[in-house]
Amino acid sequence: MSATGARAPDPVIEPADCLRALAHRLREEGSVISAAVRDPAPQLEPTLGLLAASGPRSAEAPGEYALLFESVREGYLLHYGAPRLLADVDSDLALLAGDYLYALGLERLAALQDLEAVGELSDLISLSAQLNAERRGAEPLGALWLAAGTALACGAGPAHEGAKRDLRAGDPAATTSLASAASATAAEAGIVDVLAAASDSIDFPLDLHS
């Protein structure tokens, strides 16, 4: 199972259809996980992908940003939670599939030549692993995912980067700092409603000011 290699260009993806597009790609690849791929539940909205697709940084390819961010999210859920697109996979295959989906998201981002965002997603993956290993709870993880999606959409300022450094160092105030930076950036970009929907979908409350 490889995330590299030549393939036909993908059709243009609408952000709202990114989970269905991801499931279709995984099923059509004919890999060891293809038989386990299922369509997303009809009521499932790709709110994190929509967040990543909603800002000026992602405006030239919003569907791609939605898909790659949801790919990384699915990889995370295969490692640490309940996947949305794969059924009946054992723990070893879930880890392998999770790594593959991480690589798929990063590969698609590299194809967009967005090296800044490659760094953002790499930080997201490594910090998510650290927070889970340290059992630091849902709140810092929620703030991290929302902040990363906002950074892909709108860019990462000094407050965001500083909060990530504090989070890696174990500063308990980093969760609030990350959430505040995301909220301020979303307000400036006019995407508060999109951030709020993503926040609700992962049960992480944000104090949002439009």
C-alpha atoms as a PDB file:
ATOM      1  CA  MET A   1       0.000   0.000   0.000  1.00  0.00           C
ATOM      2  CA  SER A   2       1.677   3.166  -1.202  1.00  0.00           C
ATOM      3  CA  ALA A   3       0.610   6.796  -1.258  1.00  0.00           C
ATOM      4  CA  THR A   4       2.919   7.554  -4.179  1.00  0.00           C
ATOM      5  CA  GLY A   5       3.017   6.712  -7.860  1.00  0.00           C
ATOM      6  CA  ALA A   6       1.513   8.053 -11.078  1.00  0.00           C
ATOM      7  CA  ARG A   7      -2.255   8.073 -11.445  1.00  0.00           C
ATOM      8  CA  ALA A   8      -4.895   9.796 -13.527  1.00  0.00           C
ATOM      9  CA  PRO A   9      -5.819  13.287 -12.374  1.00  0.00           C
ATOM     10  CA  ASP A  10      -8.662  13.361  -9.894  1.00  0.00           C
ATOM     11  CA  PRO A  11     -11.895  15.126 -10.850  1.00  0.00           C
ATOM     12  CA  VAL A  12     -12.636  18.449  -9.228  1.00  0.00           C
ATOM     13  CA  ILE A  13     -13.981  17.795  -5.736  1.00  0.00           C
ATOM     14  CA  GLU A  14     -16.623  19.858  -4.006  1.00  0.00           C
ATOM     15  CA  PRO A  15     -15.666  20.377  -0.338  1.00  0.00           C
ATOM     16  CA  ALA A  16     -18.976  18.996   0.906  1.00  0.00           C
ATOM     17  CA  ASP A  17     -18.370  15.777  -1.080  1.00  0.00           C
ATOM     18  CA  CYS A  18     -14.829  15.182   0.163  1.00  0.00           C
ATOM     19  CA  LEU A  19     -15.621  12.187   2.391  1.00  0.00           C
ATOM     20  CA  ARG A  20     -17.476  10.421  -0.400  1.00  0.00           C
ATOM     21  CA  ALA A  21     -14.609  11.213  -2.763  1.00  0.00           C
ATOM     22  CA  LEU A  22     -12.105   9.825  -0.266  1.00  0.00           C
ATOM     23  CA  ALA A  23     -14.118   6.627   0.169  1.00  0.00           C
ATOM     24  CA  HIS A  24     -14.354   6.219  -3.606  1.00  0.00           C
ATOM     25  CA  ARG A  25     -10.612   6.607  -4.033  1.00  0.00           C
ATOM     26  CA  LEU A  26      -9.794   4.132  -1.264  1.00  0.00           C
ATOM     27  CA  ARG A  27     -12.240   1.595  -2.675  1.00  0.00           C
ATOM     28  CA  GLU A  28     -11.000   1.934  -6.247  1.00  0.00           C
ATOM     29  CA  GLU A  29      -7.319   1.538  -5.357  1.00  0.00           C
ATOM     30  CA  GLY A  30      -7.636  -2.198  -4.862  1.00  0.00           C
ATOM     31  CA  SER A  31      -5.388  -2.127  -1.788  1.00  0.00           C
ATOM     32  CA  VAL A  32      -5.554  -4.319   1.315  1.00  0.00           C
ATOM     33  CA  ILE A  33      -8.043  -1.909   2.888  1.00  0.00           C
ATOM     34  CA  SER A  34     -10.329  -1.442  -0.127  1.00  0.00           C
ATOM     35  CA  ALA A  35     -12.712  -4.225   0.847  1.00  0.00           C
ATOM     36  CA  ALA A  36     -13.239  -2.603   4.248  1.00  0.00           C
ATOM     37  CA  VAL A  37     -14.153   0.825   2.865  1.00  0.00           C
ATOM     38  CA  ARG A  38     -17.724   1.980   3.344  1.00  0.00           C
ATOM     39  CA  ASP A  39     -19.540   5.122   2.285  1.00  0.00           C
ATOM     40  CA  PRO A  40     -19.863   7.828   4.935  1.00  0.00           C
ATOM     41  CA  ALA A  41     -23.157   7.958   6.801  1.00  0.00           C
ATOM     42  CA  PRO A  42     -25.613  10.275   4.986  1.00  0.00           C
ATOM     43  CA  GLN A  43     -25.838  12.606   7.966  1.00  0.00           C
ATOM     44  CA  LEU A  44     -22.064  12.873   8.381  1.00  0.00           C
ATOM     45  CA  GLU A  45     -20.750  16.306   7.438  1.00  0.00           C
ATOM     46  CA  PRO A  46     -17.013  16.855   6.781  1.00  0.00           C
ATOM     47  CA  THR A  47     -16.965  19.885   9.049  1.00  0.00           C
ATOM     48  CA  LEU A  48     -13.213  19.887   9.619  1.00  0.00           C
ATOM     49  CA  GLY A  49     -12.589  19.604   5.894  1.00  0.00           C
ATOM     50  CA  LEU A  50     -15.026  22.422   5.251  1.00  0.00           C
ATOM     51  CA  LEU A  51     -13.133  24.522   7.778  1.00  0.00           C
ATOM     52  CA  ALA A  52      -9.819  23.891   6.014  1.00  0.00           C
ATOM     53  CA  ALA A  53     -11.463  24.763   2.672  1.00  0.00           C
ATOM     54  CA  SER A  54     -13.141  27.973   3.813  1.00  0.00           C
ATOM     55  CA  GLY A  55     -10.395  30.590   3.904  1.00  0.00           C
ATOM     56  CA  PRO A  56      -8.205  32.600   1.544  1.00  0.00           C
ATOM     57  CA  ARG A  57      -5.231  30.188   1.707  1.00  0.00           C
ATOM     58  CA  SER A  58      -7.302  27.314   0.360  1.00  0.00           C
ATOM     59  CA  ALA A  59      -9.466  29.299  -2.043  1.00  0.00           C
ATOM     60  CA  GLU A  60      -7.729  28.061  -5.217  1.00  0.00           C
ATOM     61  CA  ALA A  61      -8.384  24.374  -4.446  1.00  0.00           C
ATOM     62  CA  PRO A  62     -10.969  24.149  -1.654  1.00  0.00           C
ATOM     63  CA  GLY A  63     -12.025  20.602  -2.481  1.00  0.00           C
ATOM     64  CA  GLU A  64      -8.449  19.371  -2.319  1.00  0.00           C
ATOM     65  CA  TYR A  65      -7.872  21.011   1.062  1.00  0.00           C
ATOM     66  CA  ALA A  66     -11.107  19.539   2.399  1.00  0.00           C
ATOM     67  CA  LEU A  67     -10.173  16.050   1.181  1.00  0.00           C
ATOM     68  CA  LEU A  68      -6.609  16.069   2.425  1.00  0.00           C
ATOM     69  CA  PHE A  69      -7.589  17.377   5.861  1.00  0.00           C
ATOM     70  CA  GLU A  70     -10.329  14.757   6.190  1.00  0.00           C
ATOM     71  CA  SER A  71      -7.835  12.117   5.034  1.00  0.00           C
ATOM     72  CA  VAL A  72      -5.559  13.038   7.916  1.00  0.00           C
ATOM     73  CA  ARG A  73      -8.546  13.085  10.261  1.00  0.00           C
ATOM     74  CA  GLU A  74      -9.532   9.586   9.146  1.00  0.00           C
ATOM     75  CA  GLY A  75      -5.953   8.447   9.710  1.00  0.00           C
ATOM     76  CA  TYR A  76      -6.110   9.872  13.220  1.00  0.00           C
ATOM     77  CA  LEU A  77      -9.404   8.098  13.937  1.00  0.00           C
ATOM     78  CA  LEU A  78      -7.946   4.802  12.718  1.00  0.00           C
ATOM     79  CA  HIS A  79      -5.128   5.217  15.231  1.00  0.00           C
ATOM     80  CA  TYR A  80      -7.045   6.587  18.196  1.00  0.00           C
ATOM     81  CA  GLY A  81     -10.798   6.521  17.670  1.00  0.00           C
ATOM     82  CA  ALA A  82     -13.633   5.150  15.534  1.00  0.00           C
ATOM     83  CA  PRO A  83     -13.054   5.444  11.777  1.00  0.00           C
ATOM     84  CA  ARG A  84     -15.885   6.673   9.602  1.00  0.00           C
ATOM     85  CA  LEU A  85     -14.932   5.043   6.296  1.00  0.00           C
ATOM     86  CA  LEU A  86     -13.540   1.639   7.255  1.00  0.00           C
ATOM     87  CA  ALA A  87     -15.364  -1.226   8.934  1.00  0.00           C
ATOM     88  CA  ASP A  88     -14.217  -4.455  10.550  1.00  0.00           C
ATOM     89  CA  VAL A  89     -10.470  -3.796  10.459  1.00  0.00           C
ATOM     90  CA  ASP A  90      -8.265  -5.331  13.120  1.00  0.00           C
ATOM     91  CA  SER A  91      -5.868  -3.244  15.173  1.00  0.00           C
ATOM     92  CA  ASP A  92      -2.811  -3.970  13.027  1.00  0.00           C
ATOM     93  CA  LEU A  93      -4.591  -3.093   9.791  1.00  0.00           C
ATOM     94  CA  ALA A  94      -6.084   0.015  11.403  1.00  0.00           C
ATOM     95  CA  LEU A  95      -2.608   1.282  12.256  1.00  0.00           C
ATOM     96  CA  LEU A  96      -1.352   0.558   8.751  1.00  0.00           C
ATOM     97  CA  ALA A  97      -4.371   2.231   7.177  1.00  0.00           C
ATOM     98  CA  GLY A  98      -4.003   5.208   9.496  1.00  0.00           C
ATOM     99  CA  ASP A  99      -0.401   5.720   8.451  1.00  0.00           C
ATOM    100  CA  TYR A 100      -1.433   5.426   4.814  1.00  0.00           C
ATOM    101  CA  LEU A 101      -4.139   8.059   5.180  1.00  0.00           C
ATOM    102  CA  TYR A 102      -1.686  10.402   6.900  1.00  0.00           C
ATOM    103  CA  ALA A 103       0.687   9.945   3.972  1.00  0.00           C
ATOM    104  CA  LEU A 104      -2.121  10.408   1.470  1.00  0.00           C
ATOM    105  CA  GLY A 105      -3.080  13.748   2.987  1.00  0.00           C
ATOM    106  CA  LEU A 106       0.502  14.974   3.009  1.00  0.00           C
ATOM    107  CA  GLU A 107       1.082  13.742  -0.547  1.00  0.00           C
ATOM    108  CA  ARG A 108      -1.904  15.648  -1.870  1.00  0.00           C
ATOM    109  CA  LEU A 109      -0.778  18.758  -0.020  1.00  0.00           C
ATOM    110  CA  ALA A 110       2.742  18.461  -1.419  1.00  0.00           C
ATOM    111  CA  ALA A 111       1.217  18.218  -4.899  1.00  0.00           C
ATOM    112  CA  LEU A 112      -0.284  21.655  -4.261  1.00  0.00           C
ATOM    113  CA  GLN A 113       3.268  22.860  -3.460  1.00  0.00           C
ATOM    114  CA  ASP A 114       2.052  24.241  -0.138  1.00  0.00           C
ATOM    115  CA  LEU A 115       5.095  23.577   2.004  1.00  0.00           C
ATOM    116  CA  GLU A 116       3.876  25.777   4.831  1.00  0.00           C
ATOM    117  CA  ALA A 117       0.741  23.657   5.126  1.00  0.00           C
ATOM    118  CA  VAL A 118       2.797  20.442   4.918  1.00  0.00           C
ATOM    119  CA  GLY A 119       4.567  21.662   8.049  1.00  0.00           C
ATOM    120  CA  GLU A 120       1.225  22.448   9.686  1.00  0.00           C
ATOM    121  CA  LEU A 121      -0.141  18.971   9.047  1.00  0.00           C
ATOM    122  CA  SER A 122       3.112  17.368  10.168  1.00  0.00           C
ATOM    123  CA  ASP A 123       2.820  19.288  13.434  1.00  0.00           C
ATOM    124  CA  LEU A 124      -0.808  18.213  13.752  1.00  0.00           C
ATOM    125  CA  ILE A 125       0.072  14.540  13.326  1.00  0.00           C
ATOM    126  CA  SER A 126       3.034  14.604  15.711  1.00  0.00           C
ATOM    127  CA  LEU A 127       1.266  16.670  18.367  1.00  0.00           C
ATOM    128  CA  SER A 128      -1.827  14.448  18.175  1.00  0.00           C
ATOM    129  CA  ALA A 129       0.386  11.425  18.792  1.00  0.00           C
ATOM    130  CA  GLN A 130       2.114  13.159  21.711  1.00  0.00           C
ATOM    131  CA  LEU A 131      -1.141  14.238  23.344  1.00  0.00           C
ATOM    132  CA  ASN A 132      -2.585  10.748  23.081  1.00  0.00           C
ATOM    133  CA  ALA A 133       0.599   9.147  24.411  1.00  0.00           C
ATOM    134  CA  GLU A 134       0.561  11.536  27.353  1.00  0.00           C
ATOM    135  CA  ARG A 135      -3.181  11.045  27.904  1.00  0.00           C
ATOM    136  CA  ARG A 136      -3.747  14.776  28.098  1.00  0.00           C
ATOM    137  CA  GLY A 137      -7.446  14.566  27.307  1.00  0.00           C
ATOM    138  CA  ALA A 138      -9.869  15.744  24.678  1.00  0.00           C
ATOM    139  CA  GLU A 139      -9.613  19.500  25.171  1.00  0.00           C
ATOM    140  CA  PRO A 140      -6.077  20.096  23.876  1.00  0.00           C
ATOM    141  CA  LEU A 141      -6.756  17.706  21.003  1.00  0.00           C
ATOM    142  CA  GLY A 142      -9.926  19.548  20.058  1.00  0.00           C
ATOM    143  CA  ALA A 143      -8.187  22.915  20.151  1.00  0.00           C
ATOM    144  CA  LEU A 144      -5.314  21.521  18.076  1.00  0.00           C
ATOM    145  CA  TRP A 145      -7.544  20.196  15.291  1.00  0.00           C
ATOM    146  CA  LEU A 146      -9.595  23.367  15.074  1.00  0.00           C
ATOM    147  CA  ALA A 147      -6.480  25.513  15.092  1.00  0.00           C
ATOM    148  CA  ALA A 148      -4.851  23.417  12.359  1.00  0.00           C
ATOM    149  CA  GLY A 149      -7.920  23.611  10.138  1.00  0.00           C
ATOM    150  CA  THR A 150      -8.097  27.359  10.608  1.00  0.00           C
ATOM    151  CA  ALA A 151      -4.386  27.677   9.825  1.00  0.00           C
ATOM    152  CA  LEU A 152      -4.813  25.740   6.579  1.00  0.00           C
ATOM    153  CA  ALA A 153      -7.699  27.989   5.627  1.00  0.00           C
ATOM    154  CA  CYS A 154      -6.292  31.346   6.670  1.00  0.00           C
ATOM    155  CA  GLY A 155      -2.637  31.045   7.604  1.00  0.00           C
ATOM    156  CA  ALA A 156      -0.806  30.638  10.899  1.00  0.00           C
ATOM    157  CA  GLY A 157       0.276  33.706  12.791  1.00  0.00           C
ATOM    158  CA  PRO A 158       2.755  34.069  15.675  1.00  0.00           C
ATOM    159  CA  ALA A 159       0.081  33.366  18.309  1.00  0.00           C
ATOM    160  CA  HIS A 160      -0.753  30.036  16.678  1.00  0.00           C
ATOM    161  CA  GLU A 161       2.879  28.983  16.344  1.00  0.00           C
ATOM    162  CA  GLY A 162       3.654  29.994  19.918  1.00  0.00           C
ATOM    163  CA  ALA A 163       0.648  28.054  21.220  1.00  0.00           C
ATOM    164  CA  LYS A 164       1.833  24.927  19.397  1.00  0.00           C
ATOM    165  CA  ARG A 165       5.268  25.255  20.992  1.00  0.00           C
ATOM    166  CA  ASP A 166       3.632  25.632  24.404  1.00  0.00           C
ATOM    167  CA  LEU A 167       1.426  22.614  23.759  1.00  0.00           C
ATOM    168  CA  ARG A 168       4.435  20.487  22.877  1.00  0.00           C
ATOM    169  CA  ALA A 169       6.147  21.647  26.066  1.00  0.00           C
ATOM    170  CA  GLY A 170       3.160  20.664  28.198  1.00  0.00           C
ATOM    171  CA  ASP A 171       1.948  24.146  29.139  1.00  0.00           C
ATOM    172  CA  PRO A 172      -1.681  23.772  30.321  1.00  0.00           C
ATOM    173  CA  ALA A 173      -2.489  27.261  29.024  1.00  0.00           C
ATOM    174  CA  ALA A 174      -1.719  26.195  25.445  1.00  0.00           C
ATOM    175  CA  THR A 175      -5.233  24.846  24.866  1.00  0.00           C
ATOM    176  CA  THR A 176      -6.768  28.244  25.541  1.00  0.00           C
ATOM    177  CA  SER A 177      -4.077  29.972  23.488  1.00  0.00           C
ATOM    178  CA  LEU A 178      -4.675  27.728  20.474  1.00  0.00           C
ATOM    179  CA  ALA A 179      -8.434  28.180  20.661  1.00  0.00           C
ATOM    180  CA  SER A 180      -8.130  31.944  21.036  1.00  0.00           C
ATOM    181  CA  ALA A 181      -5.789  32.221  18.064  1.00  0.00           C
ATOM    182  CA  ALA A 182      -8.151  30.155  15.905  1.00  0.00           C
ATOM    183  CA  SER A 183     -11.151  32.218  16.971  1.00  0.00           C
ATOM    184  CA  ALA A 184      -9.409  35.515  16.242  1.00  0.00           C
ATOM    185  CA  THR A 185      -8.208  34.325  12.837  1.00  0.00           C
ATOM    186  CA  ALA A 186     -11.649  33.008  11.911  1.00  0.00           C
ATOM    187  CA  ALA A 187     -13.285  36.283  12.933  1.00  0.00           C
ATOM    188  CA  GLU A 188     -10.858  38.274  10.816  1.00  0.00           C
ATOM    189  CA  ALA A 189     -11.484  36.024   7.806  1.00  0.00           C
ATOM    190  CA  GLY A 190     -15.257  35.967   8.251  1.00  0.00           C
ATOM    191  CA  ILE A 191     -15.498  32.204   8.790  1.00  0.00           C
ATOM    192  CA  VAL A 192     -16.728  32.128  12.384  1.00  0.00           C
ATOM    193  CA  ASP A 193     -19.802  30.080  11.436  1.00  0.00           C
ATOM    194  CA  VAL A 194     -17.651  27.436   9.741  1.00  0.00           C
ATOM    195  CA  LEU A 195     -15.353  27.231  12.763  1.00  0.00           C
ATOM    196  CA  ALA A 196     -18.384  26.978  15.058  1.00  0.00           C
ATOM    197  CA  ALA A 197     -19.787  24.055  13.055  1.00  0.00           C
ATOM    198  CA  ALA A 198     -16.438  22.245  13.217  1.00  0.00           C
ATOM    199  CA  SER A 199     -16.227  22.957  16.942  1.00  0.00           C
ATOM    200  CA  ASP A 200     -19.685  21.518  17.541  1.00  0.00           C
ATOM    201  CA  SER A 201     -18.917  18.411  15.496  1.00  0.00           C
ATOM    202  CA  ILE A 202     -15.994  17.431  17.725  1.00  0.00           C
ATOM    203  CA  ASP A 203     -17.692  18.545  20.969  1.00  0.00           C
ATOM    204  CA  PHE A 204     -15.128  21.218  21.727  1.00  0.00           C
ATOM    205  CA  PRO A 205     -16.699  24.465  22.937  1.00  0.00           C
ATOM    206  CA  LEU A 206     -15.226  27.681  21.609  1.00  0.00           C
ATOM    207  CA  ASP A 207     -15.910  31.233  22.766  1.00  0.00           C
ATOM    208  CA  LEU A 208     -16.476  32.742  19.338  1.00  0.00           C
ATOM    209  CA  HIS A 209     -16.909  36.403  18.581  1.00  0.00           C
ATOM    210  CA  SER A 210     -17.914  37.473  15.093  1.00  0.00           C
END
